[in-house]
Every structure is written in structure tokens, then in C-alpha cells.
Protein backbone atom coordinates (compact mmCIF):
# COMPACT_ATOMS: atom_id res chain seq x y z
CA MET A 1 10.31 37.49 -10.82
CA GLN A 2 12.33 35.35 -13.15
CA ARG A 3 14.85 32.93 -11.71
CA THR A 4 18.19 32.14 -13.32
CA LEU A 5 19.70 28.73 -13.83
CA LEU A 6 23.24 27.76 -12.89
CA ASN A 7 24.48 28.59 -16.39
CA GLY A 8 23.31 32.21 -16.01
CA ARG A 9 20.39 31.96 -18.39
CA PRO A 10 16.93 32.86 -17.16
CA GLU A 11 14.56 29.98 -16.52
CA PRO A 12 12.13 29.77 -19.43
CA GLU A 13 8.47 30.53 -18.88
CA VAL A 14 6.62 27.23 -19.06
CA ILE A 15 3.27 27.35 -20.79
CA VAL A 16 1.22 24.22 -21.19
CA ASN A 17 -1.57 24.03 -23.72
CA PHE A 18 -4.28 21.54 -22.88
CA ALA A 19 -6.88 19.91 -25.12
CA ASP A 20 -9.65 22.06 -23.59
CA GLY A 21 -8.08 25.08 -25.29
CA LEU A 22 -6.76 26.69 -22.11
CA ALA A 23 -3.13 27.51 -21.47
CA TYR A 24 -1.46 27.70 -18.09
CA SER A 25 1.56 29.82 -17.32
CA LYS A 26 4.08 28.75 -14.68
CA GLY A 27 4.59 32.30 -13.42
CA LYS A 28 0.89 32.95 -12.98
CA MET A 29 0.41 29.69 -11.12
CA GLU A 30 3.31 30.46 -8.76
CA GLU A 31 1.85 33.91 -8.10
CA ALA A 32 -1.53 32.39 -7.27
CA PHE A 33 0.14 30.13 -4.72
CA ARG A 34 2.07 33.05 -3.18
CA ASN A 35 -1.10 35.13 -2.85
CA GLY A 36 -2.71 32.43 -0.72
CA LEU A 37 -5.35 31.43 -3.24
CA PHE A 38 -4.90 27.78 -2.38
CA ASP A 39 -4.46 28.27 1.38
CA LYS A 40 -8.22 28.23 1.92
CA LYS A 41 -9.64 24.95 3.13
CA PRO A 42 -12.05 23.39 0.66
CA SER A 43 -15.65 23.50 1.72
CA LYS A 44 -17.27 20.13 2.17
CA ALA A 45 -20.36 19.31 0.20
CA PRO A 46 -23.37 18.64 2.40
CA LYS A 47 -23.69 14.94 2.97
CA ASP A 48 -27.05 13.39 2.31
CA SER A 49 -28.69 12.30 5.53
CA PHE A 50 -30.41 9.43 3.70
CA ASN A 51 -29.13 5.94 4.36
CA ALA A 52 -30.50 3.24 2.07
CA LYS A 53 -31.52 -0.03 3.68
CA LYS A 54 -28.99 -2.72 2.92
CA GLU A 55 -31.73 -5.22 2.05
CA ASP A 56 -33.27 -2.83 -0.48
CA VAL A 57 -29.93 -2.16 -2.15
CA GLU A 58 -29.16 -5.89 -2.30
CA LEU A 59 -32.57 -6.61 -3.84
CA ILE A 60 -32.03 -4.04 -6.59
CA LEU A 61 -28.51 -5.35 -7.24
CA ARG A 62 -29.71 -8.93 -7.46
CA GLU A 63 -32.76 -8.25 -9.63
CA LEU A 64 -31.47 -5.59 -12.02
CA GLU A 65 -27.73 -6.40 -12.00
CA ILE A 66 -26.67 -2.76 -11.87
CA PRO A 67 -23.77 -1.11 -10.01
CA ARG A 68 -24.25 -0.48 -6.28
CA VAL A 69 -23.82 3.28 -6.70
CA GLN A 70 -26.66 3.43 -9.20
CA ALA A 71 -28.93 1.40 -6.90
CA GLU A 72 -28.16 3.61 -3.91
CA ARG A 73 -28.72 6.77 -5.96
CA ALA A 74 -32.10 5.48 -7.17
CA LEU A 75 -33.16 4.74 -3.60
CA ALA A 76 -31.98 8.16 -2.45
CA ASP A 77 -33.91 9.88 -5.25
CA ALA A 78 -37.02 7.88 -4.26
CA LYS A 79 -36.46 8.81 -0.58
CA GLY A 80 -36.17 5.16 0.42
CA ASP A 81 -39.28 3.93 -1.40
CA LEU A 82 -38.21 0.63 -2.94
CA SER A 83 -41.07 0.34 -5.42
CA ALA A 84 -40.57 3.91 -6.67
CA ALA A 85 -36.83 3.27 -7.06
CA LEU A 86 -37.45 0.09 -9.04
CA LEU A 87 -39.96 1.84 -11.29
CA ALA A 88 -37.53 4.69 -11.91
CA LEU A 89 -34.78 2.25 -12.85
CA ILE A 90 -36.84 0.24 -15.34
CA LYS A 91 -38.56 3.13 -17.10
CA PRO A 92 -36.98 3.95 -20.47
């Protein structure tokens, strides 16, 4: 369904071309919204049950001077084993 503007002309179809090579059409996006495609609630990713010890994270931060996220990820991958996390971080 094409809407008309106040001057009587139909509203132009808006197509946006993005750098990834895809193009998006205004009409198709509006139809997707009307069909309830976006009414579904997003599913939550399962949260890791692992909680790194604060002392271990602080030790890695102090010794290796890396971002906190990277230190926590290394500890999570090593299942809380500090020595394994340190070895994983310093291996080339």
C-alpha cells in the first residue's frame, strides 16, 4: 500500500544501499513489522554460571596489564584455574 503526501503525489519508495552490499526497502520493512515479525521477545543467551574470583582477576590485571574482560574470559575458559589462565594468556 502506497501512501500519498499532502501534495497528492505518492510517497517514494525508500531504498537504502549499505556497504555490505544489501539493500533495504521501506515497504518490505513496514510489512515485516505489520506481520508481527518483531513482536517476538528476543531469547536470552544462557548466562555462564562461572564467577571469577575477584583476587584472581585483579592479579591478572596487575601482572599482565590487559583489559578486565580479557582477564575474566581467560579465567572462564580455564574454569577458574589461575595458573592455566595465565599460561593461556602468555602463550603466543
